Amino acid sequence: MAAAAGIADGDTLVSVDDRPVRSPAELQVALRAAGDAILMRFERAGQAIEKRVAAVRAPTEDGVLYDAVARDGVRLRTMLGRVAGAGRRPAVLFVQGLSVSTMDFAFLDLFAGLRDEGFVTMRVEKRGVGDSEGEAPDRGDFLSEVDDARAALDALTRYDFVDPEAVFVLGHSVGGMIAPLLDAGHAARGIVVYGSSAEPWFECVEAGARRQSTLRGDADVEALVLASGAELRTQLVIDGRSRTYHEQLHDAPIADAWSRVNKPVLVLHGEYDWVVGAEEGQRIAALAGGTFRTIPRLDHLWSAHDSLAASLRDYGKGCPDLAIVRETCAWMRSTSRVRSA
């Protein structure tokens, strides 16, 4: 739709159908409320421009089956990356982290890489995001998100092109904190997490704030950490999520859940991931009796940098690196009957 409107790099989107767009969250709200034709207003070099374009309801990503999971009367859109050829294939459910951004465009290199290796992939849009129904994430809660992920995992095992004995969970960041909570009664063959922690949520965030402030060379690290913790405990909405969500995440028995996991676990950490510490991943591996590995050069968002300083400066904007795919696929094959594509 942006291309149809003539929006180019460097332009600033101002509004959609007279709804102001000052953040990605406001853009999602505006697009969900839009009709069949959308009026986009944007600025280019100080000049106001507007263009009305036809609404496009879903991307047309090659090889992807758009479907939905229903739970409690709410439909959540799913995106399944199919693998060419007949027969049942191993599969990976991706569990997203804290972000409330759509899964239409996130980590596409990762999903394409997994499919090239012969694994079906499933992504799930959170409630109130993209074409998923339900309350917006700033009013939702963590426990519902866990149940939604469990419903998606159950649905993935039932597709006739998926081998139900070779379904894995891949959790990123907070998604890795959700992963062990899915374990009771589900059919996953194994669990892979990246950039995750088993610490209570508020403590995890405060440790991350301390780590980042120290690396930046801030003058009063502890004052900044205290301010970050106070905001997390008192503000109604933080990072697009409700305070109820943050409180439920903090109270979730994640460490205990990891100690009860009875299947193979791979814990991955990026060398230049300053959001979550290596010691947090190592504790998960110890609790679950799993394997811990560090992937060189990667930051928290799976992009590669030449140095820690570069990762601090260009977080999430490093070079694409499919080391995460190679490590994950090799491990999944080693734990099951899965063969190379």
C-alpha atoms as a PDB file:
ATOM      1  CA  MET A   1       0.000   0.000   0.000  1.00  0.00           C
ATOM      2  CA  ALA A   2       2.901   2.364   0.723  1.00  0.00           C
ATOM      3  CA  ALA A   3       4.305   1.651  -2.728  1.00  0.00           C
ATOM      4  CA  ALA A   4       0.899   2.297  -4.315  1.00  0.00           C
ATOM      5  CA  ALA A   5       0.729   5.644  -2.535  1.00  0.00           C
ATOM      6  CA  GLY A   6       4.178   6.597  -3.781  1.00  0.00           C
ATOM      7  CA  ILE A   7       5.729   6.660  -0.294  1.00  0.00           C
ATOM      8  CA  ALA A   8       9.524   6.482  -0.517  1.00  0.00           C
ATOM      9  CA  ASP A   9      12.462   6.104   1.864  1.00  0.00           C
ATOM     10  CA  GLY A  10      12.750   9.223   4.000  1.00  0.00           C
ATOM     11  CA  ASP A  11       9.077  10.199   3.807  1.00  0.00           C
ATOM     12  CA  THR A  12       7.110  10.610   7.047  1.00  0.00           C
ATOM     13  CA  LEU A  13       3.659   9.020   7.285  1.00  0.00           C
ATOM     14  CA  VAL A  14       1.401  11.475   9.121  1.00  0.00           C
ATOM     15  CA  SER A  15      -2.069   9.940   9.125  1.00  0.00           C
ATOM     16  CA  VAL A  16      -4.245   7.153   7.777  1.00  0.00           C
ATOM     17  CA  ASP A  17      -7.907   8.062   7.164  1.00  0.00           C
ATOM     18  CA  ASP A  18      -7.508  11.114   9.438  1.00  0.00           C
ATOM     19  CA  ARG A  19      -6.163   8.974  12.281  1.00  0.00           C
ATOM     20  CA  PRO A  20      -2.754  10.271  13.425  1.00  0.00           C
ATOM     21  CA  VAL A  21       0.182   7.908  13.010  1.00  0.00           C
ATOM     22  CA  ARG A  22       2.924   8.714  15.514  1.00  0.00           C
ATOM     23  CA  SER A  23       4.048   5.167  16.301  1.00  0.00           C
ATOM     24  CA  PRO A  24       3.811   1.632  14.885  1.00  0.00           C
ATOM     25  CA  ALA A  25       1.041   0.918  17.407  1.00  0.00           C
ATOM     26  CA  GLU A  26      -1.049   3.833  16.116  1.00  0.00           C
ATOM     27  CA  LEU A  27      -0.460   2.648  12.548  1.00  0.00           C
ATOM     28  CA  GLN A  28      -1.866  -0.772  13.447  1.00  0.00           C
ATOM     29  CA  VAL A  29      -4.968   0.801  15.004  1.00  0.00           C
ATOM     30  CA  ALA A  30      -5.527   3.026  11.967  1.00  0.00           C
ATOM     31  CA  LEU A  31      -5.185   0.185   9.471  1.00  0.00           C
ATOM     32  CA  ARG A  32      -7.521  -2.103  11.411  1.00  0.00           C
ATOM     33  CA  ALA A  33     -10.211   0.596  11.303  1.00  0.00           C
ATOM     34  CA  ALA A  34      -9.728   1.408   7.610  1.00  0.00           C
ATOM     35  CA  GLY A  35     -12.228   0.630   4.878  1.00  0.00           C
ATOM     36  CA  ASP A  36     -11.661  -0.637   1.345  1.00  0.00           C
ATOM     37  CA  ALA A  37      -9.910   2.580   0.300  1.00  0.00           C
ATOM     38  CA  ILE A  38      -7.333   4.233   2.527  1.00  0.00           C
ATOM     39  CA  LEU A  39      -6.305   7.883   2.514  1.00  0.00           C
ATOM     40  CA  MET A  40      -2.617   8.207   3.340  1.00  0.00           C
ATOM     41  CA  ARG A  41      -1.102  11.561   4.221  1.00  0.00           C
ATOM     42  CA  PHE A  42       2.661  11.886   4.335  1.00  0.00           C
ATOM     43  CA  GLU A  43       5.385  14.500   4.148  1.00  0.00           C
ATOM     44  CA  ARG A  44       8.403  14.712   1.879  1.00  0.00           C
ATOM     45  CA  ALA A  45      11.013  17.402   2.446  1.00  0.00           C
ATOM     46  CA  GLY A  46       8.424  19.545   4.237  1.00  0.00           C
ATOM     47  CA  GLN A  47       5.781  19.151   1.523  1.00  0.00           C
ATOM     48  CA  ALA A  48       2.397  17.590   2.449  1.00  0.00           C
ATOM     49  CA  ILE A  49       1.187  14.839   0.083  1.00  0.00           C
ATOM     50  CA  GLU A  50      -1.930  12.676   0.178  1.00  0.00           C
ATOM     51  CA  LYS A  51      -2.996   9.652  -1.849  1.00  0.00           C
ATOM     52  CA  ARG A  52      -5.953   7.285  -1.642  1.00  0.00           C
ATOM     53  CA  VAL A  53      -5.133   3.609  -2.263  1.00  0.00           C
ATOM     54  CA  ALA A  54      -6.993   0.301  -2.246  1.00  0.00           C
ATOM     55  CA  ALA A  55      -6.689  -1.665   1.008  1.00  0.00           C
ATOM     56  CA  VAL A  56      -4.572  -4.821   0.844  1.00  0.00           C
ATOM     57  CA  ARG A  57      -5.772  -7.204   3.546  1.00  0.00           C
ATOM     58  CA  ALA A  58      -2.897  -9.682   3.595  1.00  0.00           C
ATOM     59  CA  PRO A  59       0.567  -9.988   2.060  1.00  0.00           C
ATOM     60  CA  THR A  60       1.181 -12.493  -0.688  1.00  0.00           C
ATOM     61  CA  GLU A  61       4.307 -14.178   0.630  1.00  0.00           C
ATOM     62  CA  ASP A  62       5.268 -17.057  -1.665  1.00  0.00           C
ATOM     63  CA  GLY A  63       4.783 -20.522  -0.231  1.00  0.00           C
ATOM     64  CA  VAL A  64       2.848 -19.311   2.809  1.00  0.00           C
ATOM     65  CA  LEU A  65      -0.557 -20.671   3.805  1.00  0.00           C
ATOM     66  CA  TYR A  66      -2.658 -18.080   5.652  1.00  0.00           C
ATOM     67  CA  ASP A  67      -4.929 -19.735   8.196  1.00  0.00           C
ATOM     68  CA  ALA A  68      -6.259 -19.106  11.704  1.00  0.00           C
ATOM     69  CA  VAL A  69      -6.404 -20.642  15.177  1.00  0.00           C
ATOM     70  CA  ALA A  70      -9.602 -20.142  17.167  1.00  0.00           C
ATOM     71  CA  ARG A  71      -9.596 -19.912  20.960  1.00  0.00           C
ATOM     72  CA  ASP A  72     -12.333 -18.571  23.237  1.00  0.00           C
ATOM     73  CA  GLY A  73     -14.221 -17.246  20.219  1.00  0.00           C
ATOM     74  CA  VAL A  74     -11.225 -15.248  18.976  1.00  0.00           C
ATOM     75  CA  ARG A  75      -9.517 -15.990  15.656  1.00  0.00           C
ATOM     76  CA  LEU A  76      -5.742 -15.552  15.521  1.00  0.00           C
ATOM     77  CA  ARG A  77      -4.157 -15.420  12.111  1.00  0.00           C
ATOM     78  CA  THR A  78      -1.410 -17.939  11.412  1.00  0.00           C
ATOM     79  CA  MET A  79       1.172 -18.029   8.650  1.00  0.00           C
ATOM     80  CA  LEU A  80       2.494 -21.443   7.663  1.00  0.00           C
ATOM     81  CA  GLY A  81       5.594 -21.709   5.524  1.00  0.00           C
ATOM     82  CA  ARG A  82       5.071 -24.800   3.371  1.00  0.00           C
ATOM     83  CA  VAL A  83       7.836 -27.072   2.132  1.00  0.00           C
ATOM     84  CA  ALA A  84       7.649 -28.350  -1.452  1.00  0.00           C
ATOM     85  CA  GLY A  85       7.029 -32.027  -2.019  1.00  0.00           C
ATOM     86  CA  ALA A  86       4.728 -34.708  -0.694  1.00  0.00           C
ATOM     87  CA  GLY A  87       4.708 -36.301   2.733  1.00  0.00           C
ATOM     88  CA  ARG A  88       4.777 -35.076   6.298  1.00  0.00           C
ATOM     89  CA  ARG A  89       7.540 -32.659   7.275  1.00  0.00           C
ATOM     90  CA  PRO A  90       9.155 -31.594  10.545  1.00  0.00           C
ATOM     91  CA  ALA A  91       7.849 -28.264  11.760  1.00  0.00           C
ATOM     92  CA  VAL A  92       8.752 -25.302  13.961  1.00  0.00           C
ATOM     93  CA  LEU A  93       6.366 -23.073  15.894  1.00  0.00           C
ATOM     94  CA  PHE A  94       7.910 -19.627  16.343  1.00  0.00           C
ATOM     95  CA  VAL A  95       6.894 -17.882  19.579  1.00  0.00           C
ATOM     96  CA  GLN A  96       7.353 -14.131  19.306  1.00  0.00           C
ATOM     97  CA  GLY A  97       8.824 -11.994  22.077  1.00  0.00           C
ATOM     98  CA  LEU A  98       7.481  -8.875  23.759  1.00  0.00           C
ATOM     99  CA  SER A  99       6.997  -6.982  20.494  1.00  0.00           C
ATOM    100  CA  VAL A 100       3.494  -6.174  19.292  1.00  0.00           C
ATOM    101  CA  SER A 101       4.578  -5.752  15.662  1.00  0.00           C
ATOM    102  CA  THR A 102       3.018  -7.863  12.932  1.00  0.00           C
ATOM    103  CA  MET A 103       4.699 -11.126  11.960  1.00  0.00           C
ATOM    104  CA  ASP A 104       4.185 -10.339   8.261  1.00  0.00           C
ATOM    105  CA  PHE A 105       7.639  -8.827   7.964  1.00  0.00           C
ATOM    106  CA  ALA A 106       9.689  -9.893  11.014  1.00  0.00           C
ATOM    107  CA  PHE A 107      12.606 -12.352  10.711  1.00  0.00           C
ATOM    108  CA  LEU A 108      11.695 -13.423   7.164  1.00  0.00           C
ATOM    109  CA  ASP A 109      15.271 -14.619   6.512  1.00  0.00           C
ATOM    110  CA  LEU A 110      14.935 -16.968   9.480  1.00  0.00           C
ATOM    111  CA  PHE A 111      11.685 -18.521   8.247  1.00  0.00           C
ATOM    112  CA  ALA A 112      12.940 -18.820   4.675  1.00  0.00           C
ATOM    113  CA  GLY A 113      16.108 -20.504   5.951  1.00  0.00           C
ATOM    114  CA  LEU A 114      14.183 -23.029   8.021  1.00  0.00           C
ATOM    115  CA  ARG A 115      11.959 -23.856   5.065  1.00  0.00           C
ATOM    116  CA  ASP A 116      15.012 -24.296   2.806  1.00  0.00           C
ATOM    117  CA  GLU A 117      16.240 -26.841   5.361  1.00  0.00           C
ATOM    118  CA  GLY A 118      12.958 -28.769   5.063  1.00  0.00           C
ATOM    119  CA  PHE A 119      11.064 -27.484   8.114  1.00  0.00           C
ATOM    120  CA  VAL A 120       7.480 -26.202   7.983  1.00  0.00           C
ATOM    121  CA  THR A 121       7.212 -22.957   9.957  1.00  0.00           C
ATOM    122  CA  MET A 122       4.255 -21.433  11.802  1.00  0.00           C
ATOM    123  CA  ARG A 123       3.937 -17.800  12.926  1.00  0.00           C
ATOM    124  CA  VAL A 124       0.996 -16.476  14.928  1.00  0.00           C
ATOM    125  CA  GLU A 125      -0.269 -12.900  15.082  1.00  0.00           C
ATOM    126  CA  LYS A 126      -0.983 -11.783  18.639  1.00  0.00           C
ATOM    127  CA  ARG A 127      -4.452 -10.659  19.652  1.00  0.00           C
ATOM    128  CA  GLY A 128      -5.330  -7.287  18.215  1.00  0.00           C
ATOM    129  CA  VAL A 129      -2.357  -7.328  15.811  1.00  0.00           C
ATOM    130  CA  GLY A 130      -2.621  -7.563  12.037  1.00  0.00           C
ATOM    131  CA  ASP A 131      -5.698  -9.598  11.096  1.00  0.00           C
ATOM    132  CA  SER A 132      -6.009 -11.305  14.491  1.00  0.00           C
ATOM    133  CA  GLU A 133      -9.111 -10.573  16.527  1.00  0.00           C
ATOM    134  CA  GLY A 134      -9.258  -9.745  20.220  1.00  0.00           C
ATOM    135  CA  GLU A 135      -8.214  -6.910  22.487  1.00  0.00           C
ATOM    136  CA  ALA A 136      -5.246  -4.782  21.510  1.00  0.00           C
ATOM    137  CA  PRO A 137      -1.969  -5.853  23.192  1.00  0.00           C
ATOM    138  CA  ASP A 138      -1.951  -2.805  25.474  1.00  0.00           C
ATOM    139  CA  ARG A 139      -5.067  -4.267  27.141  1.00  0.00           C
ATOM    140  CA  GLY A 140      -4.221  -7.954  26.896  1.00  0.00           C
ATOM    141  CA  ASP A 141      -2.566 -10.252  29.403  1.00  0.00           C
ATOM    142  CA  PHE A 142       0.355 -12.676  29.492  1.00  0.00           C
ATOM    143  CA  LEU A 143      -1.603 -15.790  30.512  1.00  0.00           C
ATOM    144  CA  SER A 144      -3.869 -15.485  27.462  1.00  0.00           C
ATOM    145  CA  GLU A 145      -0.791 -15.200  25.261  1.00  0.00           C
ATOM    146  CA  VAL A 146       0.549 -18.444  26.706  1.00  0.00           C
ATOM    147  CA  ASP A 147      -2.767 -20.207  26.056  1.00  0.00           C
ATOM    148  CA  ASP A 148      -2.848 -18.812  22.509  1.00  0.00           C
ATOM    149  CA  ALA A 149       0.622 -20.196  21.810  1.00  0.00           C
ATOM    150  CA  ARG A 150      -0.411 -23.576  23.191  1.00  0.00           C
ATOM    151  CA  ALA A 151      -3.473 -23.596  20.894  1.00  0.00           C
ATOM    152  CA  ALA A 152      -1.244 -22.767  17.926  1.00  0.00           C
ATOM    153  CA  LEU A 153       1.129 -25.616  18.803  1.00  0.00           C
ATOM    154  CA  ASP A 154      -1.757 -28.069  19.013  1.00  0.00           C
ATOM    155  CA  ALA A 155      -3.066 -26.858  15.650  1.00  0.00           C
ATOM    156  CA  LEU A 156       0.342 -27.221  14.003  1.00  0.00           C
ATOM    157  CA  THR A 157       0.562 -30.920  14.917  1.00  0.00           C
ATOM    158  CA  ARG A 158      -2.756 -31.605  13.153  1.00  0.00           C
ATOM    159  CA  TYR A 159      -1.882 -30.458   9.617  1.00  0.00           C
ATOM    160  CA  ASP A 160      -1.625 -33.377   7.202  1.00  0.00           C
ATOM    161  CA  PHE A 161       1.690 -32.048   5.852  1.00  0.00           C
ATOM    162  CA  VAL A 162       3.319 -31.933   9.331  1.00  0.00           C
ATOM    163  CA  ASP A 163       4.991 -34.847  11.093  1.00  0.00           C
ATOM    164  CA  PRO A 164       3.443 -34.680  14.602  1.00  0.00           C
ATOM    165  CA  GLU A 165       6.448 -36.556  16.036  1.00  0.00           C
ATOM    166  CA  ALA A 166       8.866 -33.870  14.831  1.00  0.00           C
ATOM    167  CA  VAL A 167       7.371 -30.542  15.927  1.00  0.00           C
ATOM    168  CA  PHE A 168       9.672 -28.088  17.709  1.00  0.00           C
ATOM    169  CA  VAL A 169       9.167 -24.781  19.526  1.00  0.00           C
ATOM    170  CA  LEU A 170      11.481 -21.841  18.814  1.00  0.00           C
ATOM    171  CA  GLY A 171      11.051 -19.027  21.334  1.00  0.00           C
ATOM    172  CA  HIS A 172      12.698 -15.638  20.962  1.00  0.00           C
ATOM    173  CA  SER A 173      13.305 -13.445  24.036  1.00  0.00           C
ATOM    174  CA  VAL A 174      10.001 -13.380  26.009  1.00  0.00           C
ATOM    175  CA  GLY A 175       8.836 -16.084  23.595  1.00  0.00           C
ATOM    176  CA  GLY A 176      11.531 -18.225  25.180  1.00  0.00           C
ATOM    177  CA  MET A 177       9.947 -17.542  28.576  1.00  0.00           C
ATOM    178  CA  ILE A 178       6.603 -18.732  27.195  1.00  0.00           C
ATOM    179  CA  ALA A 179       8.110 -21.910  25.702  1.00  0.00           C
ATOM    180  CA  PRO A 180       8.534 -23.967  28.927  1.00  0.00           C
ATOM    181  CA  LEU A 181       5.037 -22.997  30.058  1.00  0.00           C
ATOM    182  CA  LEU A 182       3.655 -24.803  26.998  1.00  0.00           C
ATOM    183  CA  ASP A 183       5.291 -28.063  27.941  1.00  0.00           C
ATOM    184  CA  ALA A 184       2.581 -29.716  30.030  1.00  0.00           C
ATOM    185  CA  GLY A 185       0.845 -32.174  27.748  1.00  0.00           C
ATOM    186  CA  HIS A 186       2.009 -30.771  24.423  1.00  0.00           C
ATOM    187  CA  ALA A 187       3.600 -32.812  21.687  1.00  0.00           C
ATOM    188  CA  ALA A 188       6.751 -30.803  20.942  1.00  0.00           C
ATOM    189  CA  ARG A 189       9.820 -32.899  20.215  1.00  0.00           C
ATOM    190  CA  GLY A 190      12.159 -30.255  21.625  1.00  0.00           C
ATOM    191  CA  ILE A 191      12.541 -26.584  22.516  1.00  0.00           C
ATOM    192  CA  VAL A 192      14.978 -23.988  21.187  1.00  0.00           C
ATOM    193  CA  VAL A 193      15.219 -20.537  22.789  1.00  0.00           C
ATOM    194  CA  TYR A 194      17.312 -17.522  21.868  1.00  0.00           C
ATOM    195  CA  GLY A 195      18.098 -14.476  23.999  1.00  0.00           C
ATOM    196  CA  SER A 196      15.868 -15.597  26.853  1.00  0.00           C
ATOM    197  CA  SER A 197      15.893 -15.752  30.641  1.00  0.00           C
ATOM    198  CA  ALA A 198      14.435 -17.751  33.509  1.00  0.00           C
ATOM    199  CA  GLU A 199      14.701 -14.859  35.970  1.00  0.00           C
ATOM    200  CA  PRO A 200      11.603 -13.060  37.323  1.00  0.00           C
ATOM    201  CA  TRP A 201      10.634 -10.464  34.720  1.00  0.00           C
ATOM    202  CA  PHE A 202      11.200  -7.267  36.691  1.00  0.00           C
ATOM    203  CA  GLU A 203      14.617  -8.520  37.793  1.00  0.00           C
ATOM    204  CA  CYS A 204      15.441  -9.487  34.210  1.00  0.00           C
ATOM    205  CA  VAL A 205      14.546  -6.011  32.936  1.00  0.00           C
ATOM    206  CA  GLU A 206      16.508  -4.269  35.677  1.00  0.00           C
ATOM    207  CA  ALA A 207      19.554  -6.442  34.982  1.00  0.00           C
ATOM    208  CA  GLY A 208      19.266  -5.574  31.298  1.00  0.00           C
ATOM    209  CA  ALA A 209      18.998  -1.862  32.059  1.00  0.00           C
ATOM    210  CA  ARG A 210      22.111  -2.077  34.263  1.00  0.00           C
ATOM    211  CA  ARG A 211      24.027  -3.961  31.572  1.00  0.00           C
ATOM    212  CA  GLN A 212      23.099  -1.496  28.836  1.00  0.00           C
ATOM    213  CA  SER A 213      23.792   1.592  30.946  1.00  0.00           C
ATOM    214  CA  THR A 214      27.189   0.220  31.928  1.00  0.00           C
ATOM    215  CA  LEU A 215      28.112  -0.538  28.321  1.00  0.00           C
ATOM    216  CA  ARG A 216      27.047   2.961  27.252  1.00  0.00           C
ATOM    217  CA  GLY A 217      29.149   4.498  30.004  1.00  0.00           C
ATOM    218  CA  ASP A 218      26.225   6.322  31.638  1.00  0.00           C
ATOM    219  CA  ALA A 219      27.158   8.541  34.572  1.00  0.00           C
ATOM    220  CA  ASP A 220      24.689   7.216  37.161  1.00  0.00           C
ATOM    221  CA  VAL A 221      23.857   3.643  36.268  1.00  0.00           C
ATOM    222  CA  GLU A 222      21.942   2.740  39.419  1.00  0.00           C
ATOM    223  CA  ALA A 223      19.690   5.803  39.216  1.00  0.00           C
ATOM    224  CA  LEU A 224      18.740   4.850  35.657  1.00  0.00           C
ATOM    225  CA  VAL A 225      18.084   1.268  36.716  1.00  0.00           C
ATOM    226  CA  LEU A 226      15.827   2.390  39.565  1.00  0.00           C
ATOM    227  CA  ALA A 227      13.907   4.695  37.215  1.00  0.00           C
ATOM    228  CA  SER A 228      13.459   1.870  34.707  1.00  0.00           C
ATOM    229  CA  GLY A 229      12.162  -0.496  37.398  1.00  0.00           C
ATOM    230  CA  ALA A 230       9.792   2.106  38.833  1.00  0.00           C
ATOM    231  CA  GLU A 231       8.320   2.786  35.393  1.00  0.00           C
ATOM    232  CA  LEU A 232       7.798  -0.924  34.747  1.00  0.00           C
ATOM    233  CA  ARG A 233       5.939  -1.380  38.040  1.00  0.00           C
ATOM    234  CA  THR A 234       3.731   1.709  37.875  1.00  0.00           C
ATOM    235  CA  GLN A 235       2.930   2.730  34.289  1.00  0.00           C
ATOM    236  CA  LEU A 236      -0.287   1.405  32.750  1.00  0.00           C
ATOM    237  CA  VAL A 237       1.326   0.616  29.386  1.00  0.00           C
ATOM    238  CA  ILE A 238       5.008  -0.215  28.812  1.00  0.00           C
ATOM    239  CA  ASP A 239       6.392  -1.234  25.399  1.00  0.00           C
ATOM    240  CA  GLY A 240       2.847  -1.571  24.098  1.00  0.00           C
ATOM    241  CA  ARG A 241       1.859  -4.086  26.801  1.00  0.00           C
ATOM    242  CA  SER A 242      -0.464  -3.634  29.767  1.00  0.00           C
ATOM    243  CA  ARG A 243       0.768  -3.554  33.355  1.00  0.00           C
ATOM    244  CA  THR A 244      -1.308  -6.707  33.932  1.00  0.00           C
ATOM    245  CA  TYR A 245       0.763  -8.410  31.240  1.00  0.00           C
ATOM    246  CA  HIS A 246       4.044  -7.383  32.901  1.00  0.00           C
ATOM    247  CA  GLU A 247       2.852  -8.417  36.366  1.00  0.00           C
ATOM    248  CA  GLN A 248       1.648 -11.829  35.168  1.00  0.00           C
ATOM    249  CA  LEU A 249       4.932 -12.382  33.333  1.00  0.00           C
ATOM    250  CA  HIS A 250       6.848 -11.475  36.491  1.00  0.00           C
ATOM    251  CA  ASP A 251       4.793 -13.961  38.558  1.00  0.00           C
ATOM    252  CA  ALA A 252       4.986 -16.799  36.012  1.00  0.00           C
ATOM    253  CA  PRO A 253       6.880 -19.859  37.386  1.00  0.00           C
ATOM    254  CA  ILE A 254       9.355 -19.915  34.512  1.00  0.00           C
ATOM    255  CA  ALA A 255      12.376 -21.341  36.343  1.00  0.00           C
ATOM    256  CA  ASP A 256      10.225 -24.123  37.825  1.00  0.00           C
ATOM    257  CA  ALA A 257       8.743 -24.855  34.395  1.00  0.00           C
ATOM    258  CA  TRP A 258      12.228 -25.246  32.903  1.00  0.00           C
ATOM    259  CA  SER A 259      13.192 -27.675  35.660  1.00  0.00           C
ATOM    260  CA  ARG A 260      10.180 -29.836  34.718  1.00  0.00           C
ATOM    261  CA  VAL A 261      10.778 -29.935  30.957  1.00  0.00           C
ATOM    262  CA  ASN A 262      11.378 -33.559  29.968  1.00  0.00           C
ATOM    263  CA  LYS A 263      12.573 -33.145  26.398  1.00  0.00           C
ATOM    264  CA  PRO A 264      15.686 -31.834  24.628  1.00  0.00           C
ATOM    265  CA  VAL A 265      16.423 -28.132  25.027  1.00  0.00           C
ATOM    266  CA  LEU A 266      18.843 -25.924  23.078  1.00  0.00           C
ATOM    267  CA  VAL A 267      19.627 -22.480  24.510  1.00  0.00           C
ATOM    268  CA  LEU A 268      21.259 -20.027  22.100  1.00  0.00           C
ATOM    269  CA  HIS A 269      22.882 -16.709  22.965  1.00  0.00           C
ATOM    270  CA  GLY A 270      24.276 -14.052  20.637  1.00  0.00           C
ATOM    271  CA  GLU A 271      27.842 -12.927  21.361  1.00  0.00           C
ATOM    272  CA  TYR A 272      26.747  -9.284  21.115  1.00  0.00           C
ATOM    273  CA  ASP A 273      23.340  -9.655  22.749  1.00  0.00           C
ATOM    274  CA  TRP A 274      23.361  -6.966  25.440  1.00  0.00           C
ATOM    275  CA  VAL A 275      19.619  -7.234  26.093  1.00  0.00           C
ATOM    276  CA  VAL A 276      19.956 -10.605  27.859  1.00  0.00           C
ATOM    277  CA  GLY A 277      23.122 -11.892  29.501  1.00  0.00           C
ATOM    278  CA  ALA A 278      24.858 -15.154  28.689  1.00  0.00           C
ATOM    279  CA  GLU A 279      24.525 -16.208  32.331  1.00  0.00           C
ATOM    280  CA  GLU A 280      20.727 -16.098  31.981  1.00  0.00           C
ATOM    281  CA  GLY A 281      20.808 -18.527  29.082  1.00  0.00           C
ATOM    282  CA  GLN A 282      23.276 -20.746  30.899  1.00  0.00           C
ATOM    283  CA  ARG A 283      20.881 -20.970  33.843  1.00  0.00           C
ATOM    284  CA  ILE A 284      18.063 -22.123  31.550  1.00  0.00           C
ATOM    285  CA  ALA A 285      20.320 -24.867  30.176  1.00  0.00           C
ATOM    286  CA  ALA A 286      21.242 -25.944  33.716  1.00  0.00           C
ATOM    287  CA  LEU A 287      17.612 -26.016  34.866  1.00  0.00           C
ATOM    288  CA  ALA A 288      16.428 -28.006  31.838  1.00  0.00           C
ATOM    289  CA  GLY A 289      19.477 -30.231  31.433  1.00  0.00           C
ATOM    290  CA  GLY A 290      19.886 -28.695  27.992  1.00  0.00           C
ATOM    291  CA  THR A 291      22.674 -27.492  25.723  1.00  0.00           C
ATOM    292  CA  PHE A 292      23.990 -23.899  25.737  1.00  0.00           C
ATOM    293  CA  ARG A 293      25.738 -22.366  22.754  1.00  0.00           C
ATOM    294  CA  THR A 294      26.944 -18.888  21.878  1.00  0.00           C
ATOM    295  CA  ILE A 295      26.622 -17.737  18.274  1.00  0.00           C
ATOM    296  CA  PRO A 296      29.408 -15.338  17.273  1.00  0.00           C
ATOM    297  CA  ARG A 297      28.613 -11.720  16.342  1.00  0.00           C
ATOM    298  CA  LEU A 298      24.816 -11.891  16.716  1.00  0.00           C
ATOM    299  CA  ASP A 299      22.772  -9.306  18.608  1.00  0.00           C
ATOM    300  CA  HIS A 300      19.397  -9.852  20.275  1.00  0.00           C
ATOM    301  CA  LEU A 301      17.561  -9.505  16.944  1.00  0.00           C
ATOM    302  CA  TRP A 302      19.719 -12.025  15.058  1.00  0.00           C
ATOM    303  CA  SER A 303      21.704  -9.466  13.071  1.00  0.00           C
ATOM    304  CA  ALA A 304      25.511  -9.685  12.978  1.00  0.00           C
ATOM    305  CA  HIS A 305      28.057  -7.011  13.911  1.00  0.00           C
ATOM    306  CA  ASP A 306      31.829  -6.718  13.883  1.00  0.00           C
ATOM    307  CA  SER A 307      31.999  -5.564  17.505  1.00  0.00           C
ATOM    308  CA  LEU A 308      29.986  -5.000  20.663  1.00  0.00           C
ATOM    309  CA  ALA A 309      30.236  -1.258  20.076  1.00  0.00           C
ATOM    310  CA  ALA A 310      28.712  -1.698  16.616  1.00  0.00           C
ATOM    311  CA  SER A 311      25.845  -3.728  18.055  1.00  0.00           C
ATOM    312  CA  LEU A 312      25.128  -0.954  20.570  1.00  0.00           C
ATOM    313  CA  ARG A 313      25.155   1.660  17.831  1.00  0.00           C
ATOM    314  CA  ASP A 314      23.218  -0.280  15.169  1.00  0.00           C
ATOM    315  CA  TYR A 315      20.990  -2.609  17.177  1.00  0.00           C
ATOM    316  CA  GLY A 316      18.990  -4.872  14.883  1.00  0.00           C
ATOM    317  CA  LYS A 317      20.554  -3.330  11.763  1.00  0.00           C
ATOM    318  CA  GLY A 318      23.585  -5.555  11.360  1.00  0.00           C
ATOM    319  CA  CYS A 319      24.222  -7.934   8.486  1.00  0.00           C
ATOM    320  CA  PRO A 320      21.869 -10.887   8.011  1.00  0.00           C
ATOM    321  CA  ASP A 321      23.408 -14.077   9.396  1.00  0.00           C
ATOM    322  CA  LEU A 322      21.825 -17.516   9.101  1.00  0.00           C
ATOM    323  CA  ALA A 323      24.024 -19.077  11.789  1.00  0.00           C
ATOM    324  CA  ILE A 324      20.869 -19.333  13.898  1.00  0.00           C
ATOM    325  CA  VAL A 325      19.313 -21.505  11.168  1.00  0.00           C
ATOM    326  CA  ARG A 326      22.357 -23.754  10.871  1.00  0.00           C
ATOM    327  CA  GLU A 327      22.667 -24.259  14.635  1.00  0.00           C
ATOM    328  CA  THR A 328      18.950 -24.853  15.128  1.00  0.00           C
ATOM    329  CA  CYS A 329      18.484 -27.273  12.229  1.00  0.00           C
ATOM    330  CA  ALA A 330      21.578 -29.304  13.072  1.00  0.00           C
ATOM    331  CA  TRP A 331      20.403 -29.675  16.651  1.00  0.00           C
ATOM    332  CA  MET A 332      16.816 -30.559  15.699  1.00  0.00           C
ATOM    333  CA  ARG A 333      18.065 -33.268  13.362  1.00  0.00           C
ATOM    334  CA  SER A 334      20.346 -34.662  16.059  1.00  0.00           C
ATOM    335  CA  THR A 335      17.446 -35.059  18.488  1.00  0.00           C
ATOM    336  CA  SER A 336      14.989 -36.831  16.186  1.00  0.00           C
ATOM    337  CA  ARG A 337      14.417 -38.783  13.012  1.00  0.00           C
ATOM    338  CA  VAL A 338      14.576 -35.585  10.976  1.00  0.00           C
ATOM    339  CA  ARG A 339      16.785 -35.823   7.907  1.00  0.00           C
ATOM    340  CA  SER A 340      18.328 -33.083   5.768  1.00  0.00           C
ATOM    341  CA  ALA A 341      16.091 -31.473   3.126  1.00  0.00           C
END
